[in-house]
N, C-alpha and C. Protein backbone atom coordinates (compact mmCIF):
# COMPACT_ATOMS: atom_id res chain seq x y z
N UNK A 1 -4.82 -61.72 42.76
CA UNK A 1 -4.05 -63.04 43.13
C UNK A 1 -3.69 -63.52 43.93
N UNK A 2 -3.84 -64.63 44.73
CA UNK A 2 -2.73 -65.08 45.64
C UNK A 2 -1.68 -65.78 45.45
N UNK A 3 -0.69 -65.91 46.40
CA UNK A 3 0.36 -67.11 46.44
C UNK A 3 0.07 -68.45 45.88
N UNK A 4 -1.43 -68.74 46.57
CA UNK A 4 -1.96 -70.36 46.07
C UNK A 4 -2.08 -70.12 44.70
N UNK A 5 -2.34 -68.88 43.97
CA UNK A 5 -2.75 -69.27 42.28
C UNK A 5 -1.30 -69.48 41.81
N UNK A 6 0.02 -68.96 42.44
CA UNK A 6 1.11 -69.36 41.75
C UNK A 6 1.17 -71.28 41.40
N UNK A 7 0.73 -71.60 42.90
CA UNK A 7 1.06 -72.67 43.03
C UNK A 7 0.08 -73.94 41.97
N UNK A 8 -0.98 -73.33 41.69
CA UNK A 8 -1.68 -74.15 40.74
C UNK A 8 -1.45 -74.91 39.54
N UNK A 9 -1.72 -75.84 38.73
CA UNK A 9 -1.20 -76.42 37.76
C UNK A 9 -1.57 -75.78 36.80
N UNK A 10 -0.69 -76.28 35.56
CA UNK A 10 -1.34 -75.41 34.11
C UNK A 10 -2.61 -75.67 33.63
N UNK A 11 -3.06 -76.92 34.15
CA UNK A 11 -4.07 -77.33 33.57
C UNK A 11 -5.50 -76.57 34.58
N UNK A 12 -5.45 -76.16 35.62
CA UNK A 12 -5.81 -75.64 36.61
C UNK A 12 -6.47 -74.06 36.10
N UNK A 13 -5.53 -73.68 35.82
CA UNK A 13 -5.01 -72.09 35.74
C UNK A 13 -5.52 -72.15 34.19
N UNK A 14 -5.34 -73.07 33.21
CA UNK A 14 -6.52 -72.77 32.10
C UNK A 14 -7.68 -72.83 32.25
N UNK A 15 -8.36 -74.05 32.88
CA UNK A 15 -9.67 -74.02 33.16
C UNK A 15 -10.32 -72.75 34.17
N UNK A 16 -9.64 -72.25 34.79
CA UNK A 16 -9.84 -70.74 35.91
C UNK A 16 -10.00 -69.52 34.84
N UNK A 17 -9.23 -69.93 33.86
CA UNK A 17 -8.98 -68.83 32.60
C UNK A 17 -10.14 -68.82 31.64
N UNK A 18 -10.78 -70.25 31.13
CA UNK A 18 -11.77 -70.37 30.66
C UNK A 18 -13.05 -69.98 30.89
N UNK A 19 -13.11 -70.02 32.32
CA UNK A 19 -14.28 -69.71 32.81
C UNK A 19 -14.31 -67.96 33.10
N UNK A 20 -13.45 -67.20 33.27
CA UNK A 20 -13.08 -65.80 33.44
C UNK A 20 -13.94 -65.33 31.87
N UNK A 21 -13.49 -65.94 30.85
CA UNK A 21 -13.56 -65.70 29.42
C UNK A 21 -15.29 -65.73 29.16
N UNK A 22 -15.36 -67.13 29.65
CA UNK A 22 -16.92 -66.93 29.55
C UNK A 22 -17.93 -66.12 29.88
N UNK A 23 -17.50 -65.30 30.83
CA UNK A 23 -18.36 -64.47 31.67
C UNK A 23 -18.22 -63.23 31.43
N UNK A 24 -16.32 -63.23 30.84
CA UNK A 24 -16.98 -61.81 30.17
C UNK A 24 -17.63 -61.47 28.45
N UNK A 25 -17.48 -62.83 28.15
CA UNK A 25 -18.12 -62.47 27.00
C UNK A 25 -19.26 -62.81 27.28
N UNK A 26 -19.94 -63.21 28.33
CA UNK A 26 -21.51 -63.03 28.39
C UNK A 26 -22.14 -61.83 28.47
N UNK A 27 -21.09 -60.92 29.00
CA UNK A 27 -21.19 -59.72 29.14
C UNK A 27 -22.43 -59.09 30.25
N UNK A 28 -22.75 -60.31 31.29
CA UNK A 28 -23.69 -59.93 31.99
C UNK A 28 -23.08 -59.49 33.50
N UNK A 29 -21.78 -59.02 33.33
CA UNK A 29 -20.98 -58.87 34.54
C UNK A 29 -20.91 -56.71 34.60
N UNK A 30 -20.93 -56.39 35.81
CA UNK A 30 -20.70 -55.15 36.02
C UNK A 30 -19.48 -54.97 35.78
N UNK A 31 -19.38 -53.20 35.21
CA UNK A 31 -17.57 -53.15 34.83
C UNK A 31 -17.03 -53.48 35.86
N UNK A 32 -16.76 -53.08 37.14
CA UNK A 32 -16.12 -53.17 38.32
C UNK A 32 -15.68 -54.40 38.28
N UNK A 33 -16.28 -55.46 37.99
CA UNK A 33 -16.29 -57.22 38.03
C UNK A 33 -15.73 -57.41 36.78
N UNK A 34 -16.03 -56.76 35.71
CA UNK A 34 -15.12 -57.12 34.57
C UNK A 34 -13.93 -56.90 34.61
N UNK A 35 -13.55 -55.65 35.03
CA UNK A 35 -12.57 -55.19 35.41
C UNK A 35 -11.20 -56.15 35.95
N UNK A 36 -12.17 -56.31 37.20
CA UNK A 36 -11.09 -57.61 38.12
C UNK A 36 -11.23 -58.73 37.41
N UNK A 37 -11.98 -59.28 36.75
CA UNK A 37 -11.99 -60.44 36.18
C UNK A 37 -10.97 -60.68 35.06
N UNK A 38 -11.13 -59.42 34.63
CA UNK A 38 -10.02 -59.03 33.17
C UNK A 38 -8.28 -59.08 33.84
N UNK A 39 -8.06 -58.73 35.00
CA UNK A 39 -6.95 -58.63 35.59
C UNK A 39 -6.69 -60.06 35.95
N UNK A 40 -7.66 -60.49 36.54
CA UNK A 40 -7.36 -61.86 37.07
C UNK A 40 -6.81 -62.83 35.79
N UNK A 41 -7.63 -62.74 34.65
CA UNK A 41 -7.39 -63.48 33.26
C UNK A 41 -5.92 -63.11 33.02
N UNK A 42 -5.37 -61.79 32.94
CA UNK A 42 -4.44 -61.66 32.50
C UNK A 42 -3.04 -62.19 33.70
N UNK A 43 -3.67 -62.34 34.90
CA UNK A 43 -2.47 -62.97 35.25
C UNK A 43 -2.37 -64.45 35.38
N UNK A 44 -3.59 -65.15 35.07
CA UNK A 44 -3.52 -66.42 34.82
C UNK A 44 -3.02 -66.74 33.27
N UNK A 45 -2.95 -65.77 32.44
CA UNK A 45 -2.40 -65.74 31.19
C UNK A 45 -0.99 -65.74 31.05
N UNK A 46 -0.35 -65.04 32.12
CA UNK A 46 1.27 -64.99 32.08
C UNK A 46 1.70 -65.98 32.72
N UNK A 47 1.00 -66.39 33.67
CA UNK A 47 1.32 -67.70 34.76
C UNK A 47 1.49 -69.07 33.91
N UNK A 48 0.53 -69.11 32.65
CA UNK A 48 0.65 -70.01 32.17
C UNK A 48 1.72 -70.14 30.94
N UNK A 49 1.93 -69.07 30.35
CA UNK A 49 3.07 -68.41 29.67
C UNK A 49 4.37 -68.62 30.49
N UNK A 50 4.45 -68.56 31.50
CA UNK A 50 5.73 -68.64 31.88
C UNK A 50 5.79 -70.37 32.21
N UNK A 51 4.90 -71.01 32.45
CA UNK A 51 4.89 -72.59 32.95
C UNK A 51 5.50 -72.82 31.51
N UNK A 52 4.99 -72.43 30.38
CA UNK A 52 5.16 -73.02 29.03
C UNK A 52 6.27 -72.90 28.91
N UNK A 53 6.87 -71.76 29.10
CA UNK A 53 8.45 -71.49 28.66
C UNK A 53 9.50 -72.49 29.42
N UNK A 54 9.21 -72.65 30.77
CA UNK A 54 9.64 -73.62 31.73
C UNK A 54 9.91 -74.86 31.07
N UNK A 55 8.81 -75.24 30.69
CA UNK A 55 8.50 -76.94 30.03
C UNK A 55 9.55 -76.70 28.56
N UNK A 56 8.89 -75.69 28.02
CA UNK A 56 10.02 -75.76 26.85
C UNK A 56 11.51 -75.65 26.75
N UNK A 57 11.74 -75.04 27.84
CA UNK A 57 13.65 -74.93 28.05
C UNK A 57 14.01 -76.66 28.78
N UNK A 58 13.10 -77.09 28.91
CA UNK A 58 13.46 -78.51 29.53
C UNK A 58 13.52 -79.58 28.16
N UNK A 59 12.41 -79.04 27.09
CA UNK A 59 12.61 -80.29 26.04
C UNK A 59 13.71 -80.13 25.14
N UNK A 60 14.21 -81.40 24.70
CA UNK A 60 15.48 -81.55 23.70
C UNK A 60 15.08 -82.07 22.44
N UNK A 61 15.59 -81.93 21.54
CA UNK A 61 15.27 -82.47 20.60
C UNK A 61 16.46 -83.48 20.09
N UNK A 62 15.95 -84.66 19.44
CA UNK A 62 17.37 -85.33 18.99
C UNK A 62 17.31 -85.40 17.31
N UNK A 63 18.42 -84.91 16.78
CA UNK A 63 18.14 -84.60 15.02
C UNK A 63 19.04 -85.11 14.56
N UNK A 64 19.05 -85.31 13.46
CA UNK A 64 19.99 -86.11 12.51
C UNK A 64 21.11 -85.10 11.70
N UNK A 65 22.06 -85.24 12.09
CA UNK A 65 23.29 -84.12 11.23
C UNK A 65 24.24 -85.05 11.13
N UNK A 66 24.79 -85.14 9.41
CA UNK A 66 25.84 -85.29 9.08
C UNK A 66 26.16 -87.04 9.65
N UNK A 67 24.47 -87.73 9.52
CA UNK A 67 25.02 -89.24 10.35
C UNK A 67 24.94 -89.38 11.41
N UNK A 68 24.78 -88.48 12.50
CA UNK A 68 24.81 -88.64 14.04
C UNK A 68 23.96 -88.17 14.00
N UNK A 69 23.31 -88.87 15.29
CA UNK A 69 22.05 -88.15 16.34
C UNK A 69 22.57 -86.99 16.99
N UNK A 70 22.31 -86.02 17.45
CA UNK A 70 22.71 -84.53 18.27
C UNK A 70 21.62 -84.62 18.87
N UNK A 71 21.73 -83.89 20.11
CA UNK A 71 20.77 -83.39 20.97
C UNK A 71 20.53 -81.96 20.87
N UNK A 72 19.37 -81.15 20.37
CA UNK A 72 19.46 -79.87 20.35
C UNK A 72 18.28 -79.37 21.06
N UNK A 73 18.68 -78.05 21.91
CA UNK A 73 17.19 -77.41 22.49
C UNK A 73 15.71 -77.33 21.66
N UNK A 74 14.95 -77.45 22.11
CA UNK A 74 13.91 -76.97 21.40
C UNK A 74 13.69 -75.82 21.44
N UNK A 75 13.21 -74.70 20.45
CA UNK A 75 12.92 -73.67 20.20
C UNK A 75 12.64 -73.29 18.86
N UNK A 76 12.63 -73.99 18.12
CA UNK A 76 12.70 -73.33 16.96
C UNK A 76 11.15 -73.43 16.41
N UNK A 77 10.80 -72.80 15.55
CA UNK A 77 9.20 -72.74 15.29
C UNK A 77 8.84 -73.61 13.53
N UNK A 78 7.77 -74.34 13.58
CA UNK A 78 7.36 -74.78 12.22
C UNK A 78 6.97 -73.98 11.31
N UNK A 79 8.15 -73.76 9.93
CA UNK A 79 7.69 -73.23 8.71
C UNK A 79 6.03 -74.08 7.99
N UNK A 80 5.82 -73.00 6.91
CA UNK A 80 4.51 -73.59 6.03
C UNK A 80 4.34 -75.25 6.19
N UNK A 81 5.50 -75.90 5.53
CA UNK A 81 5.83 -77.04 5.21
C UNK A 81 5.60 -78.34 6.62
N UNK A 82 5.75 -77.46 7.89
CA UNK A 82 5.65 -78.18 8.83
C UNK A 82 7.04 -78.48 9.73
N UNK A 83 8.22 -78.30 8.74
CA UNK A 83 9.53 -78.20 8.97
C UNK A 83 10.13 -77.68 9.98
N UNK A 84 11.19 -78.09 10.93
CA UNK A 84 11.12 -77.07 11.89
C UNK A 84 12.39 -75.84 11.37
N UNK A 85 12.11 -74.83 11.87
CA UNK A 85 13.29 -74.07 11.26
C UNK A 85 13.94 -72.74 12.50
N UNK A 86 14.86 -72.24 12.38
CA UNK A 86 16.24 -71.84 13.00
C UNK A 86 15.44 -70.95 13.85
């Protein structure tokens, strides 16, 4: 991957990743090309993950505690009921 890959948008990276997955799922690529595609896909996946982490760090939630609205960083996960857990 080149430096220009690091500059692409999340959406472009996901589109490239989808193309790679389709090519690998078809199974019609030679082994060497499949390895290269897999490595490219892993790099794109890592880049997307980093971009999502950066966005998540910027997102804040406004929650009500004790009758007051407070800001909290987003980072919790949803439980089975759809409620945000700590």
